[in-house]
């Protein structure tokens, strides 16, 4: 499978042969399966501190016997663990502590931060990635993902010889190559309507263009997502058919990875 190779000015320089996996079958079921597995792997650990609510000597401090010093029995008070604030002889000012129904105590059933990982075979991972990269070269899949696109006349995937160092030059290059689809290239952020603004999800943004580079190419551009071959995850390519731009060196690295 051959595609056009663009130079730094956005002009067609020559044809280039793509790696074999770009002709792989579009297994969307496997791509979705690995996307779900990866989502659990990248999950943010959420749990309480093991010592939260237990940083005081309350449990086991009160004697469980009647008519003895430092006992709460026979005083008409609940038998919960207590910490001593002050004492005067046999009189104590106790405050309930450590138990979940006391102020400053531990939580009753806190999240443990232990999650069971989902399983997937290594062969399925390879087929899923092959399908995800192959979808970036399939026009029907791209049009299916981007409903605002009526036609997509660009030969996919887009491969450039190299990328300029400045953001302005990268965007002008993309504008010349992608043409009508350039509105989907840049990341756009809008303010969400409704109560979500006060619940930690104020902004909505599109995915934008994914630029895949080699490990030697150090390119930074805030308007598009730039990732090296080793950094690309299924979350970057799913749903299938994302607008993707490859450098010539990244394709050479992908031959050994995928």
Protein backbone atom coordinates (compact mmCIF):
# COMPACT_ATOMS: atom_id res chain seq x y z
CA UNK A 1 0.00 0.00 0.00
CA UNK A 2 1.48 3.31 -1.14
CA UNK A 3 0.63 6.88 -0.07
CA UNK A 4 1.97 10.32 -0.89
CA UNK A 5 4.89 11.76 1.05
CA UNK A 6 4.67 15.51 1.80
CA UNK A 7 7.62 17.82 2.35
CA UNK A 8 7.93 20.74 4.80
CA UNK A 9 6.03 23.06 2.46
CA UNK A 10 3.07 20.71 2.09
CA UNK A 11 3.87 19.69 -1.48
CA UNK A 12 3.89 16.08 -2.66
CA UNK A 13 7.49 14.87 -2.84
CA UNK A 14 7.15 11.18 -3.74
CA UNK A 15 5.32 7.96 -2.89
CA UNK A 16 6.11 5.86 0.17
CA UNK A 17 5.34 2.26 1.03
CA UNK A 18 3.34 1.80 4.23
CA UNK A 19 4.00 -1.00 6.73
CA UNK A 20 1.99 -4.18 6.22
CA UNK A 21 -0.30 -3.73 9.25
CA UNK A 22 -2.01 -0.74 7.57
CA UNK A 23 -3.81 -3.35 5.46
CA UNK A 24 -4.94 -5.31 8.54
CA UNK A 25 -8.67 -6.07 9.06
CA UNK A 26 -10.54 -3.41 11.05
CA UNK A 27 -11.35 -5.44 14.16
CA UNK A 28 -13.39 -2.87 16.07
CA UNK A 29 -14.43 -5.48 18.63
CA UNK A 30 -10.81 -6.12 19.65
CA UNK A 31 -10.01 -2.40 19.64
CA UNK A 32 -12.92 -1.74 21.98
CA UNK A 33 -11.92 -4.67 24.21
CA UNK A 34 -8.36 -3.40 24.60
CA UNK A 35 -9.62 0.16 25.13
CA UNK A 36 -11.65 -1.06 28.12
CA UNK A 37 -8.67 -3.04 29.48
CA UNK A 38 -6.37 -0.04 29.13
CA UNK A 39 -8.92 2.21 30.82
CA UNK A 40 -8.68 0.10 33.97
CA UNK A 41 -4.88 0.06 33.79
CA UNK A 42 -4.74 3.87 33.60
CA UNK A 43 -7.31 4.30 36.36
CA UNK A 44 -6.36 6.79 39.07
CA UNK A 45 -5.91 4.97 42.42
CA UNK A 46 -8.53 6.14 44.88
CA UNK A 47 -8.42 5.19 48.54
CA UNK A 48 -8.05 6.64 52.01
CA UNK A 49 -4.85 6.81 54.04
CA UNK A 50 -4.59 3.59 56.11
CA UNK A 51 -3.94 5.69 59.24
CA UNK A 52 -6.77 8.18 58.64
CA UNK A 53 -8.92 8.49 61.76
CA UNK A 54 -6.56 6.27 63.81
CA UNK A 55 -3.84 8.73 64.78
CA UNK A 56 -4.63 8.79 68.49
CA UNK A 57 -4.53 6.34 71.40
CA UNK A 58 -8.24 5.74 71.93
CA UNK A 59 -8.89 2.09 71.17
CA UNK A 60 -8.20 -0.12 74.19
CA UNK A 61 -7.54 2.78 76.60
CA UNK A 62 -10.74 2.36 78.65
CA UNK A 63 -10.94 -0.64 81.02
CA UNK A 64 -13.93 -2.90 80.46
CA UNK A 65 -14.71 -3.54 84.14
CA UNK A 66 -16.99 -1.94 86.74
CA UNK A 67 -16.00 0.15 89.78
CA UNK A 68 -12.36 0.55 88.75
CA UNK A 69 -10.25 3.57 87.90
CA UNK A 70 -10.37 4.69 84.26
CA UNK A 71 -13.48 2.77 83.33
CA UNK A 72 -16.59 4.05 81.55
CA UNK A 73 -18.87 1.31 82.88
CA UNK A 74 -21.56 2.39 85.33
CA UNK A 75 -21.35 6.07 84.32
CA UNK A 76 -24.32 6.16 81.97
CA UNK A 77 -22.25 6.82 78.85
CA UNK A 78 -21.83 4.82 75.66
CA UNK A 79 -19.07 2.22 75.51
CA UNK A 80 -17.17 3.59 72.54
CA UNK A 81 -13.39 4.05 72.36
CA UNK A 82 -12.48 7.42 73.89
CA UNK A 83 -9.45 9.67 74.11
CA UNK A 84 -8.73 11.60 77.32
CA UNK A 85 -8.71 15.40 77.03
CA UNK A 86 -8.06 16.01 80.75
CA UNK A 87 -8.52 14.21 84.08
CA UNK A 88 -8.88 15.24 87.70
CA UNK A 89 -8.31 12.27 89.98
CA UNK A 90 -10.95 9.74 88.95
CA UNK A 91 -12.83 12.25 86.76
CA UNK A 92 -12.13 12.16 83.04
CA UNK A 93 -13.17 14.31 80.11
CA UNK A 94 -13.46 11.73 77.40
CA UNK A 95 -14.27 12.26 73.74
CA UNK A 96 -15.30 9.42 71.45
CA UNK A 97 -12.62 8.69 68.86
CA UNK A 98 -11.45 6.26 66.18
CA UNK A 99 -14.84 4.63 65.47
CA UNK A 100 -16.76 5.71 62.38
CA UNK A 101 -19.63 7.33 64.31
CA UNK A 102 -17.25 9.65 66.25
CA UNK A 103 -16.00 13.05 65.16
CA UNK A 104 -12.64 12.72 63.40
CA UNK A 105 -12.89 8.93 63.34
CA UNK A 106 -12.21 6.54 60.49
CA UNK A 107 -14.64 5.99 57.64
CA UNK A 108 -16.94 3.02 57.96
CA UNK A 109 -16.23 1.39 54.59
CA UNK A 110 -13.55 3.42 52.78
CA UNK A 111 -12.42 2.62 49.22
CA UNK A 112 -9.44 0.28 49.39
CA UNK A 113 -7.83 1.22 46.08
CA UNK A 114 -7.71 -2.44 45.05
CA UNK A 115 -9.11 -3.11 41.59
CA UNK A 116 -9.16 -6.32 39.63
CA UNK A 117 -7.42 -5.88 36.28
CA UNK A 118 -9.14 -6.96 33.10
CA UNK A 119 -7.38 -9.54 30.98
CA UNK A 120 -6.59 -9.66 27.28
CA UNK A 121 -4.30 -11.90 25.24
CA UNK A 122 -1.06 -10.56 23.72
CA UNK A 123 -2.18 -11.60 20.23
CA UNK A 124 -5.42 -9.67 20.69
CA UNK A 125 -3.44 -6.57 21.71
CA UNK A 126 -1.38 -6.81 18.53
CA UNK A 127 -4.48 -7.24 16.36
CA UNK A 128 -6.21 -4.35 18.15
CA UNK A 129 -3.31 -1.95 17.54
CA UNK A 130 -3.02 -3.09 13.92
CA UNK A 131 -6.74 -2.39 13.43
CA UNK A 132 -6.43 1.03 15.12
CA UNK A 133 -3.54 2.12 12.90
CA UNK A 134 -5.21 0.67 9.80
CA UNK A 135 -8.36 2.69 10.60
CA UNK A 136 -6.34 5.92 10.28
CA UNK A 137 -5.85 4.96 6.62
CA UNK A 138 -9.48 4.04 5.91
CA UNK A 139 -11.63 6.89 4.55
CA UNK A 140 -14.97 5.26 5.40
CA UNK A 141 -13.99 4.84 9.05
CA UNK A 142 -12.76 8.46 9.23
CA UNK A 143 -16.03 9.76 7.75
CA UNK A 144 -17.95 7.56 10.21
CA UNK A 145 -16.13 9.11 13.18
CA UNK A 146 -16.33 12.73 12.00
CA UNK A 147 -19.97 13.39 11.14
CA UNK A 148 -19.19 16.98 10.08
CA UNK A 149 -17.10 15.68 7.16
CA UNK A 150 -19.09 14.99 4.00
CA UNK A 151 -16.08 14.06 1.87
CA UNK A 152 -12.47 13.34 2.65
CA UNK A 153 -10.32 13.68 -0.45
CA UNK A 154 -6.93 13.51 1.30
CA UNK A 155 -4.92 10.34 0.67
CA UNK A 156 -4.72 8.70 4.08
CA UNK A 157 -2.75 8.32 6.19
CA UNK A 158 -0.92 11.65 5.91
CA UNK A 159 2.86 11.14 5.94
CA UNK A 160 5.35 14.01 6.05
CA UNK A 161 9.09 13.90 5.55
CA UNK A 162 9.66 15.87 8.76
CA UNK A 163 7.98 18.57 10.83
CA UNK A 164 9.11 22.17 11.44
CA UNK A 165 10.01 23.25 14.96
CA UNK A 166 7.61 26.20 15.27
CA UNK A 167 3.90 25.80 16.03
CA UNK A 168 2.91 28.42 13.45
CA UNK A 169 4.72 26.54 10.69
CA UNK A 170 3.20 23.19 11.74
CA UNK A 171 -0.33 24.62 11.62
CA UNK A 172 0.23 26.25 8.21
CA UNK A 173 1.52 22.88 6.94
CA UNK A 174 -1.59 21.11 8.27
CA UNK A 175 -3.84 23.77 6.77
CA UNK A 176 -2.38 23.17 3.32
CA UNK A 177 -2.53 19.36 3.57
CA UNK A 178 -5.94 18.87 5.24
CA UNK A 179 -7.80 21.70 3.52
CA UNK A 180 -11.53 21.54 4.43
CA UNK A 181 -10.86 19.16 7.33
CA UNK A 182 -8.55 21.68 9.03
CA UNK A 183 -11.36 22.69 11.42
CA UNK A 184 -10.91 19.26 13.05
CA UNK A 185 -7.12 19.53 13.27
CA UNK A 186 -6.76 22.13 16.01
CA UNK A 187 -7.89 21.44 19.58
CA UNK A 188 -10.84 23.62 20.54
CA UNK A 189 -11.98 24.15 24.11
CA UNK A 190 -15.43 25.45 25.05
CA UNK A 191 -17.16 26.10 28.38
CA UNK A 192 -19.73 23.47 29.27
CA UNK A 193 -23.32 24.56 29.81
CA UNK A 194 -25.17 23.50 32.94
CA UNK A 195 -24.13 22.36 36.42
CA UNK A 196 -21.07 20.49 35.18
CA UNK A 197 -19.12 23.75 35.41
CA UNK A 198 -19.17 23.53 39.20
CA UNK A 199 -18.38 19.81 39.29
CA UNK A 200 -14.85 19.73 37.95
CA UNK A 201 -15.70 19.47 34.26
CA UNK A 202 -15.99 23.07 33.15
CA UNK A 203 -14.49 22.67 29.68
CA UNK A 204 -15.26 20.45 26.69
CA UNK A 205 -12.67 19.87 23.99
CA UNK A 206 -12.26 17.85 20.82
CA UNK A 207 -9.45 15.36 20.26
CA UNK A 208 -7.80 17.24 17.41
CA UNK A 209 -5.04 15.87 15.19
CA UNK A 210 -2.71 13.14 16.44
CA UNK A 211 0.90 13.57 15.29
CA UNK A 212 2.99 10.40 15.62
CA UNK A 213 6.75 10.99 15.75
CA UNK A 214 9.84 8.87 16.31
CA UNK A 215 11.82 8.83 19.56
CA UNK A 216 14.52 11.09 18.03
CA UNK A 217 12.11 13.84 16.91
CA UNK A 218 11.46 16.37 19.67
CA UNK A 219 8.45 18.37 18.51
CA UNK A 220 6.13 20.48 20.68
CA UNK A 221 2.85 21.96 19.55
CA UNK A 222 0.07 22.97 21.95
CA UNK A 223 -2.67 23.06 19.29
CA UNK A 224 -2.32 19.39 18.28
CA UNK A 225 -1.48 16.22 20.20
CA UNK A 226 2.10 15.06 19.57
CA UNK A 227 3.19 11.60 20.72
CA UNK A 228 6.08 9.31 19.95
CA UNK A 229 5.52 5.74 18.77
CA UNK A 230 6.07 4.26 22.25
CA UNK A 231 3.71 6.78 23.88
CA UNK A 232 0.71 6.02 21.64
CA UNK A 233 -2.08 4.20 23.47
CA UNK A 234 -5.39 2.77 22.37
CA UNK A 235 -7.16 5.71 24.05
CA UNK A 236 -5.45 7.99 21.49
CA UNK A 237 -6.83 6.03 18.51
CA UNK A 238 -10.27 4.91 19.76
CA UNK A 239 -12.96 5.42 18.47
CA UNK A 240 -11.38 4.20 15.25
CA UNK A 241 -10.68 6.59 12.40
CA UNK A 242 -8.88 9.48 14.08
CA UNK A 243 -7.15 12.08 11.91
CA UNK A 244 -3.48 11.15 12.19
CA UNK A 245 -0.26 12.50 10.74
CA UNK A 246 2.88 10.34 10.66
CA UNK A 247 6.48 11.33 10.11
CA UNK A 248 8.66 9.22 7.86
CA UNK A 249 10.86 8.10 10.77
CA UNK A 250 7.87 7.08 12.88
CA UNK A 251 6.69 4.66 10.16
CA UNK A 252 10.10 2.99 10.21
CA UNK A 253 9.79 2.53 13.99
CA UNK A 254 6.24 1.21 13.67
CA UNK A 255 7.43 -1.60 11.40
CA UNK A 256 9.29 -3.07 14.38
CA UNK A 257 6.57 -2.39 16.97
CA UNK A 258 3.21 -3.27 15.41
